[in-house]
Structure formats: C-alpha cells, structure tokens
PDB file of all heavy atoms in Angstrom:
ATOM      1  N   ILE A   1       0.825  -1.189   0.005  1.00  0.00           N
ATOM      2  CA  ILE A   1       0.011  -0.004  -0.030  1.00  0.00           C
ATOM      3  C   ILE A   1       0.867   1.239   0.009  1.00  0.00           C
ATOM      4  O   ILE A   1       0.579   2.238  -0.727  1.00  0.00           O
ATOM      5  CB  ILE A   1      -0.964   0.006   1.199  1.00  0.00           C
ATOM      6  CG1 ILE A   1      -2.002  -1.082   1.011  1.00  0.00           C
ATOM      7  CG2 ILE A   1      -1.647   1.368   1.350  1.00  0.00           C
ATOM      8  CD1 ILE A   1      -2.912  -1.325   2.247  1.00  0.00           C
ATOM      9  N   VAL A   2       1.936   1.235   0.792  1.00  0.00           N
ATOM     10  CA  VAL A   2       2.895   2.402   0.776  1.00  0.00           C
ATOM     11  C   VAL A   2       3.408   2.599  -0.642  1.00  0.00           C
ATOM     12  O   VAL A   2       3.383   3.712  -1.195  1.00  0.00           O
ATOM     13  CB  VAL A   2       4.018   2.144   1.750  1.00  0.00           C
ATOM     14  CG1 VAL A   2       5.118   3.247   1.574  1.00  0.00           C
ATOM     15  CG2 VAL A   2       3.546   2.157   3.196  1.00  0.00           C
ATOM     16  N   ASN A   3       3.880   1.510  -1.261  1.00  0.00           N
ATOM     17  CA  ASN A   3       4.526   1.664  -2.571  1.00  0.00           C
ATOM     18  C   ASN A   3       3.512   2.018  -3.688  1.00  0.00           C
ATOM     19  O   ASN A   3       3.825   2.845  -4.542  1.00  0.00           O
ATOM     20  CB  ASN A   3       5.259   0.405  -2.898  1.00  0.00           C
ATOM     21  CG  ASN A   3       6.536   0.275  -2.038  1.00  0.00           C
ATOM     22  OD1 ASN A   3       6.990   1.219  -1.430  1.00  0.00           O
ATOM     23  ND2 ASN A   3       7.101  -0.952  -1.977  1.00  0.00           N
ATOM     24  N   TYR A   4       2.323   1.406  -3.671  1.00  0.00           N
ATOM     25  CA  TYR A   4       1.316   1.778  -4.634  1.00  0.00           C
ATOM     26  C   TYR A   4       0.861   3.252  -4.391  1.00  0.00           C
ATOM     27  O   TYR A   4       0.540   3.973  -5.351  1.00  0.00           O
ATOM     28  CB  TYR A   4       0.114   0.848  -4.581  1.00  0.00           C
ATOM     29  CG  TYR A   4       0.230  -0.347  -5.463  1.00  0.00           C
ATOM     30  CD1 TYR A   4       0.250  -1.652  -4.927  1.00  0.00           C
ATOM     31  CD2 TYR A   4       0.316  -0.219  -6.850  1.00  0.00           C
ATOM     32  CE1 TYR A   4       0.338  -2.783  -5.760  1.00  0.00           C
ATOM     33  CE2 TYR A   4       0.438  -1.333  -7.662  1.00  0.00           C
ATOM     34  CZ  TYR A   4       0.439  -2.607  -7.103  1.00  0.00           C
ATOM     35  OH  TYR A   4       0.580  -3.701  -7.933  1.00  0.00           O
ATOM     36  N   GLY A   5       0.787   3.655  -3.136  1.00  0.00           N
ATOM     37  CA  GLY A   5       0.384   5.043  -2.851  1.00  0.00           C
ATOM     38  C   GLY A   5       1.391   6.024  -3.435  1.00  0.00           C
ATOM     39  O   GLY A   5       0.994   7.055  -4.007  1.00  0.00           O
ATOM     40  N   ILE A   6       2.675   5.751  -3.310  1.00  0.00           N
ATOM     41  CA  ILE A   6       3.695   6.605  -3.855  1.00  0.00           C
ATOM     42  C   ILE A   6       3.621   6.582  -5.381  1.00  0.00           C
ATOM     43  O   ILE A   6       3.692   7.646  -6.031  1.00  0.00           O
ATOM     44  CB  ILE A   6       5.098   6.165  -3.376  1.00  0.00           C
ATOM     45  CG1 ILE A   6       5.222   6.477  -1.873  1.00  0.00           C
ATOM     46  CG2 ILE A   6       6.176   6.869  -4.174  1.00  0.00           C
ATOM     47  CD1 ILE A   6       6.493   6.011  -1.215  1.00  0.00           C
ATOM     48  N   VAL A   7       3.429   5.400  -5.967  1.00  0.00           N
ATOM     49  CA  VAL A   7       3.255   5.324  -7.407  1.00  0.00           C
ATOM     50  C   VAL A   7       2.049   6.126  -7.890  1.00  0.00           C
ATOM     51  O   VAL A   7       2.086   6.843  -8.890  1.00  0.00           O
ATOM     52  CB  VAL A   7       3.140   3.862  -7.844  1.00  0.00           C
ATOM     53  CG1 VAL A   7       2.583   3.729  -9.296  1.00  0.00           C
ATOM     54  CG2 VAL A   7       4.492   3.158  -7.757  1.00  0.00           C
ATOM     55  N   GLY A   8       0.969   6.049  -7.093  1.00  0.00           N
ATOM     56  CA  GLY A   8      -0.235   6.789  -7.457  1.00  0.00           C
ATOM     57  C   GLY A   8       0.006   8.288  -7.501  1.00  0.00           C
ATOM     58  O   GLY A   8      -0.477   8.987  -8.423  1.00  0.00           O
ATOM     59  N   ILE A   9       0.763   8.823  -6.561  1.00  0.00           N
ATOM     60  CA  ILE A   9       1.068  10.258  -6.531  1.00  0.00           C
ATOM     61  C   ILE A   9       1.955  10.614  -7.732  1.00  0.00           C
ATOM     62  O   ILE A   9       1.766  11.650  -8.367  1.00  0.00           O
ATOM     63  CB  ILE A   9       1.724  10.642  -5.217  1.00  0.00           C
ATOM     64  CG1 ILE A   9       0.715  10.450  -4.073  1.00  0.00           C
ATOM     65  CG2 ILE A   9       2.208  12.113  -5.246  1.00  0.00           C
ATOM     66  CD1 ILE A   9       1.297  10.551  -2.695  1.00  0.00           C
ATOM     67  N   ILE A  10       2.902   9.734  -8.051  1.00  0.00           N
ATOM     68  CA  ILE A  10       3.736   9.986  -9.280  1.00  0.00           C
ATOM     69  C   ILE A  10       2.863  10.074 -10.511  1.00  0.00           C
ATOM     70  O   ILE A  10       2.991  10.968 -11.322  1.00  0.00           O
ATOM     71  CB  ILE A  10       4.773   8.871  -9.424  1.00  0.00           C
ATOM     72  CG1 ILE A  10       5.805   8.898  -8.292  1.00  0.00           C
ATOM     73  CG2 ILE A  10       5.477   8.987 -10.800  1.00  0.00           C
ATOM     74  CD1 ILE A  10       6.787   7.756  -8.315  1.00  0.00           C
ATOM     75  N   GLN A  11       1.904   9.141 -10.614  1.00  0.00           N
ATOM     76  CA  GLN A  11       1.038   9.147 -11.812  1.00  0.00           C
ATOM     77  C   GLN A  11       0.128  10.351 -11.835  1.00  0.00           C
ATOM     78  O   GLN A  11      -0.115  10.916 -12.937  1.00  0.00           O
ATOM     79  CB  GLN A  11       0.174   7.857 -11.811  1.00  0.00           C
ATOM     80  CG  GLN A  11       0.995   6.560 -11.921  1.00  0.00           C
ATOM     81  CD  GLN A  11       1.794   6.484 -13.212  1.00  0.00           C
ATOM     82  OE1 GLN A  11       2.859   7.067 -13.341  1.00  0.00           O
ATOM     83  NE2 GLN A  11       1.265   5.728 -14.172  1.00  0.00           N
ATOM     84  N   LEU A  12      -0.341  10.803 -10.711  1.00  0.00           N
ATOM     85  CA  LEU A  12      -1.165  11.984 -10.665  1.00  0.00           C
ATOM     86  C   LEU A  12      -0.378  13.240 -11.118  1.00  0.00           C
ATOM     87  O   LEU A  12      -0.911  14.087 -11.838  1.00  0.00           O
ATOM     88  CB  LEU A  12      -1.696  12.254  -9.245  1.00  0.00           C
ATOM     89  CG  LEU A  12      -2.837  11.350  -8.751  1.00  0.00           C
ATOM     90  CD1 LEU A  12      -3.113  11.664  -7.293  1.00  0.00           C
ATOM     91  CD2 LEU A  12      -4.105  11.556  -9.605  1.00  0.00           C
ATOM     92  N   ARG A  13       0.880  13.280 -10.724  1.00  0.00           N
ATOM     93  CA  ARG A  13       1.659  14.463 -11.068  1.00  0.00           C
ATOM     94  C   ARG A  13       2.200  14.458 -12.494  1.00  0.00           C
ATOM     95  O   ARG A  13       2.302  15.489 -13.125  1.00  0.00           O
ATOM     96  CB  ARG A  13       2.848  14.592 -10.060  1.00  0.00           C
ATOM     97  CG  ARG A  13       2.378  14.903  -8.667  1.00  0.00           C
ATOM     98  CD  ARG A  13       3.503  14.983  -7.673  1.00  0.00           C
ATOM     99  NE  ARG A  13       3.011  15.337  -6.339  1.00  0.00           N
ATOM    100  CZ  ARG A  13       3.767  15.466  -5.255  1.00  0.00           C
ATOM    101  NH1 ARG A  13       5.088  15.269  -5.363  1.00  0.00           N
ATOM    102  NH2 ARG A  13       3.256  15.808  -4.108  1.00  0.00           N
ATOM    103  N   LEU A  14       2.556  13.290 -12.964  1.00  0.00           N
ATOM    104  CA  LEU A  14       3.157  13.209 -14.286  1.00  0.00           C
ATOM    105  C   LEU A  14       2.184  12.779 -15.390  1.00  0.00           C
ATOM    106  O   LEU A  14       2.451  12.952 -16.544  1.00  0.00           O
ATOM    107  CB  LEU A  14       4.343  12.215 -14.285  1.00  0.00           C
ATOM    108  CG  LEU A  14       5.517  12.495 -13.342  1.00  0.00           C
ATOM    109  CD1 LEU A  14       6.603  11.492 -13.585  1.00  0.00           C
ATOM    110  CD2 LEU A  14       6.023  13.900 -13.516  1.00  0.00           C
ATOM    111  N   GLY A  15       1.032  12.178 -14.958  1.00  0.00           N
ATOM    112  CA  GLY A  15       0.160  11.552 -15.955  1.00  0.00           C
ATOM    113  C   GLY A  15       0.697  10.189 -16.281  1.00  0.00           C
ATOM    114  O   GLY A  15       1.868   9.876 -16.064  1.00  0.00           O
ATOM    115  N   TYR A  16      -0.191   9.319 -16.783  1.00  0.00           N
ATOM    116  CA  TYR A  16       0.248   7.977 -17.134  1.00  0.00           C
ATOM    117  C   TYR A  16       0.824   7.973 -18.533  1.00  0.00           C
ATOM    118  O   TYR A  16       0.613   8.880 -19.324  1.00  0.00           O
ATOM    119  CB  TYR A  16      -0.894   6.955 -16.997  1.00  0.00           C
ATOM    120  CG  TYR A  16      -2.098   7.233 -17.856  1.00  0.00           C
ATOM    121  CD1 TYR A  16      -2.182   6.718 -19.156  1.00  0.00           C
ATOM    122  CD2 TYR A  16      -3.169   8.011 -17.390  1.00  0.00           C
ATOM    123  CE1 TYR A  16      -3.252   6.994 -19.946  1.00  0.00           C
ATOM    124  CE2 TYR A  16      -4.259   8.241 -18.177  1.00  0.00           C
ATOM    125  CZ  TYR A  16      -4.316   7.749 -19.446  1.00  0.00           C
ATOM    126  OH  TYR A  16      -5.383   7.992 -20.260  1.00  0.00           O
ATOM    127  N   ALA A  17       1.547   6.901 -18.864  1.00  0.00           N
ATOM    128  CA  ALA A  17       2.210   6.790 -20.183  1.00  0.00           C
ATOM    129  C   ALA A  17       1.726   5.536 -20.880  1.00  0.00           C
ATOM    130  O   ALA A  17       1.059   4.704 -20.280  1.00  0.00           O
ATOM    131  CB  ALA A  17       3.708   6.742 -20.010  1.00  0.00           C
ATOM    132  N   ASP A  18       2.055   5.433 -22.165  1.00  0.00           N
ATOM    133  CA  ASP A  18       1.681   4.244 -22.918  1.00  0.00           C
ATOM    134  C   ASP A  18       2.780   3.150 -22.888  1.00  0.00           C
ATOM    135  O   ASP A  18       2.579   2.072 -23.397  1.00  0.00           O
ATOM    136  CB  ASP A  18       1.407   4.613 -24.373  1.00  0.00           C
ATOM    137  CG  ASP A  18       0.181   5.451 -24.530  1.00  0.00           C
ATOM    138  OD1 ASP A  18      -0.776   5.237 -23.712  1.00  0.00           O
ATOM    139  OD2 ASP A  18       0.110   6.328 -25.405  1.00  0.00           O
ATOM    140  N   HIS A  19       3.904   3.513 -22.258  1.00  0.00           N
ATOM    141  CA  HIS A  19       5.015   2.586 -22.156  1.00  0.00           C
ATOM    142  C   HIS A  19       5.919   3.045 -21.043  1.00  0.00           C
ATOM    143  O   HIS A  19       5.727   4.120 -20.471  1.00  0.00           O
ATOM    144  CB  HIS A  19       5.811   2.514 -23.496  1.00  0.00           C
ATOM    145  CG  HIS A  19       6.357   3.845 -23.884  1.00  0.00           C
ATOM    146  ND1 HIS A  19       5.598   4.780 -24.526  1.00  0.00           N
ATOM    147  CD2 HIS A  19       7.562   4.386 -23.719  1.00  0.00           C
ATOM    148  CE1 HIS A  19       6.322   5.856 -24.774  1.00  0.00           C
ATOM    149  NE2 HIS A  19       7.532   5.652 -24.269  1.00  0.00           N
ATOM    150  N   LYS A  20       6.929   2.239 -20.687  1.00  0.00           N
ATOM    151  CA  LYS A  20       7.889   2.635 -19.684  1.00  0.00           C
ATOM    152  C   LYS A  20       8.714   3.823 -20.230  1.00  0.00           C
ATOM    153  O   LYS A  20       9.505   3.629 -21.161  1.00  0.00           O
ATOM    154  CB  LYS A  20       8.794   1.483 -19.318  1.00  0.00           C
ATOM    155  CG  LYS A  20       8.097   0.335 -18.596  1.00  0.00           C
ATOM    156  CD  LYS A  20       9.046  -0.727 -18.089  1.00  0.00           C
ATOM    157  CE  LYS A  20       9.588  -1.540 -19.225  1.00  0.00           C
ATOM    158  NZ  LYS A  20      10.397  -2.689 -18.717  1.00  0.00           N
ATOM    159  N   ASP A  21       8.523   4.988 -19.699  1.00  0.00           N
ATOM    160  CA  ASP A  21       9.111   6.173 -20.281  1.00  0.00           C
ATOM    161  C   ASP A  21      10.128   6.858 -19.377  1.00  0.00           C
ATOM    162  O   ASP A  21      10.462   8.033 -19.575  1.00  0.00           O
ATOM    163  CB  ASP A  21       8.018   7.166 -20.669  1.00  0.00           C
ATOM    164  CG  ASP A  21       7.222   7.657 -19.475  1.00  0.00           C
ATOM    165  OD1 ASP A  21       7.336   7.038 -18.377  1.00  0.00           O
ATOM    166  OD2 ASP A  21       6.495   8.659 -19.585  1.00  0.00           O
ATOM    167  N   MET A  22      10.591   6.186 -18.331  1.00  0.00           N
ATOM    168  CA  MET A  22      11.575   6.774 -17.460  1.00  0.00           C
ATOM    169  C   MET A  22      12.544   5.696 -17.010  1.00  0.00           C
ATOM    170  O   MET A  22      12.237   4.472 -17.019  1.00  0.00           O
ATOM    171  CB  MET A  22      10.965   7.471 -16.247  1.00  0.00           C
ATOM    172  CG  MET A  22      10.323   6.563 -15.232  1.00  0.00           C
ATOM    173  SD  MET A  22       9.812   7.393 -13.715  1.00  0.00           S
ATOM    174  CE  MET A  22       8.645   8.583 -14.341  1.00  0.00           C
ATOM    175  N   SER A  23      13.720   6.106 -16.587  1.00  0.00           N
ATOM    176  CA  SER A  23      14.726   5.187 -16.095  1.00  0.00           C
ATOM    177  C   SER A  23      14.390   4.739 -14.669  1.00  0.00           C
ATOM    178  O   SER A  23      13.663   5.404 -13.942  1.00  0.00           O
ATOM    179  CB  SER A  23      16.122   5.824 -16.137  1.00  0.00           C
ATOM    180  OG  SER A  23      16.171   6.863 -15.171  1.00  0.00           O
ATOM    181  N   ALA A  24      15.006   3.658 -14.263  1.00  0.00           N
ATOM    182  CA  ALA A  24      14.820   3.183 -12.894  1.00  0.00           C
ATOM    183  C   ALA A  24      15.379   4.210 -11.877  1.00  0.00           C
ATOM    184  O   ALA A  24      14.803   4.435 -10.833  1.00  0.00           O
ATOM    185  CB  ALA A  24      15.514   1.828 -12.700  1.00  0.00           C
ATOM    186  N   ASP A  25      16.499   4.841 -12.240  1.00  0.00           N
ATOM    187  CA  ASP A  25      17.077   5.855 -11.361  1.00  0.00           C
ATOM    188  C   ASP A  25      16.114   7.035 -11.186  1.00  0.00           C
ATOM    189  O   ASP A  25      15.986   7.555 -10.056  1.00  0.00           O
ATOM    190  CB  ASP A  25      18.434   6.337 -11.920  1.00  0.00           C
ATOM    191  CG  ASP A  25      19.510   5.311 -11.785  1.00  0.00           C
ATOM    192  OD1 ASP A  25      19.400   4.398 -10.879  1.00  0.00           O
ATOM    193  OD2 ASP A  25      20.515   5.386 -12.539  1.00  0.00           O
ATOM    194  N   ARG A  26      15.487   7.478 -12.249  1.00  0.00           N
ATOM    195  CA  ARG A  26      14.540   8.582 -12.125  1.00  0.00           C
ATOM    196  C   ARG A  26      13.330   8.167 -11.277  1.00  0.00           C
ATOM    197  O   ARG A  26      12.855   8.959 -10.480  1.00  0.00           O
ATOM    198  CB  ARG A  26      14.100   9.032 -13.540  1.00  0.00           C
ATOM    199  CG  ARG A  26      13.024  10.150 -13.547  1.00  0.00           C
ATOM    200  CD  ARG A  26      13.528  11.354 -12.784  1.00  0.00           C
ATOM    201  NE  ARG A  26      12.542  12.430 -12.784  1.00  0.00           N
ATOM    202  CZ  ARG A  26      12.463  13.390 -11.862  1.00  0.00           C
ATOM    203  NH1 ARG A  26      13.353  13.425 -10.887  1.00  0.00           N
ATOM    204  NH2 ARG A  26      11.533  14.339 -11.958  1.00  0.00           N
ATOM    205  N   ALA A  27      12.873   6.936 -11.451  1.00  0.00           N
ATOM    206  CA  ALA A  27      11.766   6.446 -10.657  1.00  0.00           C
ATOM    207  C   ALA A  27      12.110   6.453  -9.156  1.00  0.00           C
ATOM    208  O   ALA A  27      11.291   6.845  -8.320  1.00  0.00           O
ATOM    209  CB  ALA A  27      11.377   5.015 -11.096  1.00  0.00           C
ATOM    210  N   MET A  28      13.333   6.096  -8.839  1.00  0.00           N
ATOM    211  CA  MET A  28      13.743   6.104  -7.430  1.00  0.00           C
ATOM    212  C   MET A  28      13.859   7.524  -6.908  1.00  0.00           C
ATOM    213  O   MET A  28      13.536   7.802  -5.736  1.00  0.00           O
ATOM    214  CB  MET A  28      15.087   5.386  -7.278  1.00  0.00           C
ATOM    215  CG  MET A  28      15.069   3.892  -7.439  1.00  0.00           C
ATOM    216  SD  MET A  28      13.818   2.981  -6.465  1.00  0.00           S
ATOM    217  CE  MET A  28      14.147   3.579  -4.811  1.00  0.00           C
ATOM    218  N   GLU A  29      14.289   8.460  -7.733  1.00  0.00           N
ATOM    219  CA  GLU A  29      14.348   9.837  -7.285  1.00  0.00           C
ATOM    220  C   GLU A  29      12.953  10.364  -6.964  1.00  0.00           C
ATOM    221  O   GLU A  29      12.763  11.021  -5.915  1.00  0.00           O
ATOM    222  CB  GLU A  29      14.954  10.751  -8.401  1.00  0.00           C
ATOM    223  CG  GLU A  29      16.447  10.525  -8.607  1.00  0.00           C
ATOM    224  CD  GLU A  29      16.942  11.301  -9.820  1.00  0.00           C
ATOM    225  OE1 GLU A  29      16.140  12.025 -10.448  1.00  0.00           O
ATOM    226  OE2 GLU A  29      18.141  11.170 -10.159  1.00  0.00           O
ATOM    227  N   LEU A  30      11.976  10.077  -7.800  1.00  0.00           N
ATOM    228  CA  LEU A  30      10.609  10.477  -7.535  1.00  0.00           C
ATOM    229  C   LEU A  30      10.057   9.811  -6.276  1.00  0.00           C
ATOM    230  O   LEU A  30       9.366  10.406  -5.491  1.00  0.00           O
ATOM    231  CB  LEU A  30       9.722  10.163  -8.753  1.00  0.00           C
ATOM    232  CG  LEU A  30      10.037  10.993 -10.003  1.00  0.00           C
ATOM    233  CD1 LEU A  30       9.300  10.391 -11.213  1.00  0.00           C
ATOM    234  CD2 LEU A  30       9.619  12.439  -9.832  1.00  0.00           C
ATOM    235  N   TYR A  31      10.368   8.531  -6.155  1.00  0.00           N
ATOM    236  CA  TYR A  31       9.941   7.776  -4.952  1.00  0.00           C
ATOM    237  C   TYR A  31      10.429   8.470  -3.715  1.00  0.00           C
ATOM    238  O   TYR A  31       9.670   8.699  -2.743  1.00  0.00           O
ATOM    239  CB  TYR A  31      10.452   6.332  -5.059  1.00  0.00           C
ATOM    240  CG  TYR A  31      10.004   5.444  -3.922  1.00  0.00           C
ATOM    241  CD1 TYR A  31       8.948   4.549  -4.097  1.00  0.00           C
ATOM    242  CD2 TYR A  31      10.667   5.458  -2.659  1.00  0.00           C
ATOM    243  CE1 TYR A  31       8.544   3.713  -3.046  1.00  0.00           C
ATOM    244  CE2 TYR A  31      10.246   4.628  -1.648  1.00  0.00           C
ATOM    245  CZ  TYR A  31       9.202   3.774  -1.839  1.00  0.00           C
ATOM    246  OH  TYR A  31       8.797   2.934  -0.798  1.00  0.00           O
ATOM    247  N   ASP A  32      11.721   8.814  -3.682  1.00  0.00           N
ATOM    248  CA  ASP A  32      12.313   9.386  -2.477  1.00  0.00           C
ATOM    249  C   ASP A  32      11.729  10.774  -2.197  1.00  0.00           C
ATOM    250  O   ASP A  32      11.512  11.133  -1.006  1.00  0.00           O
ATOM    251  CB  ASP A  32      13.826   9.490  -2.648  1.00  0.00           C
ATOM    252  CG  ASP A  32      14.509   8.124  -2.639  1.00  0.00           C
ATOM    253  OD1 ASP A  32      13.911   7.179  -2.124  1.00  0.00           O
ATOM    254  OD2 ASP A  32      15.645   8.062  -3.128  1.00  0.00           O
ATOM    255  N   GLU A  33      11.435  11.532  -3.226  1.00  0.00           N
ATOM    256  CA  GLU A  33      10.877  12.863  -3.036  1.00  0.00           C
ATOM    257  C   GLU A  33       9.464  12.744  -2.364  1.00  0.00           C
ATOM    258  O   GLU A  33       9.181  13.478  -1.404  1.00  0.00           O
ATOM    259  CB  GLU A  33      10.699  13.583  -4.378  1.00  0.00           C
ATOM    260  CG  GLU A  33      12.002  14.032  -4.987  1.00  0.00           C
ATOM    261  CD  GLU A  33      11.820  14.575  -6.412  1.00  0.00           C
ATOM    262  OE1 GLU A  33      10.666  14.766  -6.822  1.00  0.00           O
ATOM    263  OE2 GLU A  33      12.866  14.801  -7.075  1.00  0.00           O
ATOM    264  N   ILE A  34       8.676  11.819  -2.846  1.00  0.00           N
ATOM    265  CA  ILE A  34       7.293  11.678  -2.291  1.00  0.00           C
ATOM    266  C   ILE A  34       7.319  11.062  -0.928  1.00  0.00           C
ATOM    267  O   ILE A  34       6.587  11.448  -0.021  1.00  0.00           O
ATOM    268  CB  ILE A  34       6.437  10.873  -3.283  1.00  0.00           C
ATOM    269  CG1 ILE A  34       6.245  11.704  -4.571  1.00  0.00           C
ATOM    270  CG2 ILE A  34       5.097  10.522  -2.647  1.00  0.00           C
ATOM    271  CD1 ILE A  34       5.686  10.935  -5.741  1.00  0.00           C
TER     272      ILE A  34
END
C-alpha cells in the first residue's frame, strides 16, 4: 500500500504513459521525493 500510494502520486503528477518512459534511477528519485 505504501509503494502503490507513492506510485499513485507519481502518476497524478506526471500523468500515465503508454510505455515505460523513465529510467529506474529517475523512478527512485521520484519515490524518495514523495
């Protein structure tokens, strides 16, 4: 739930994509910020 909640906030802020459009490192940066 923690991890899906953080993903949910990322998606709200960035919008969803049609494919994987970011690097794993960028995903971790966003995770840490939220």
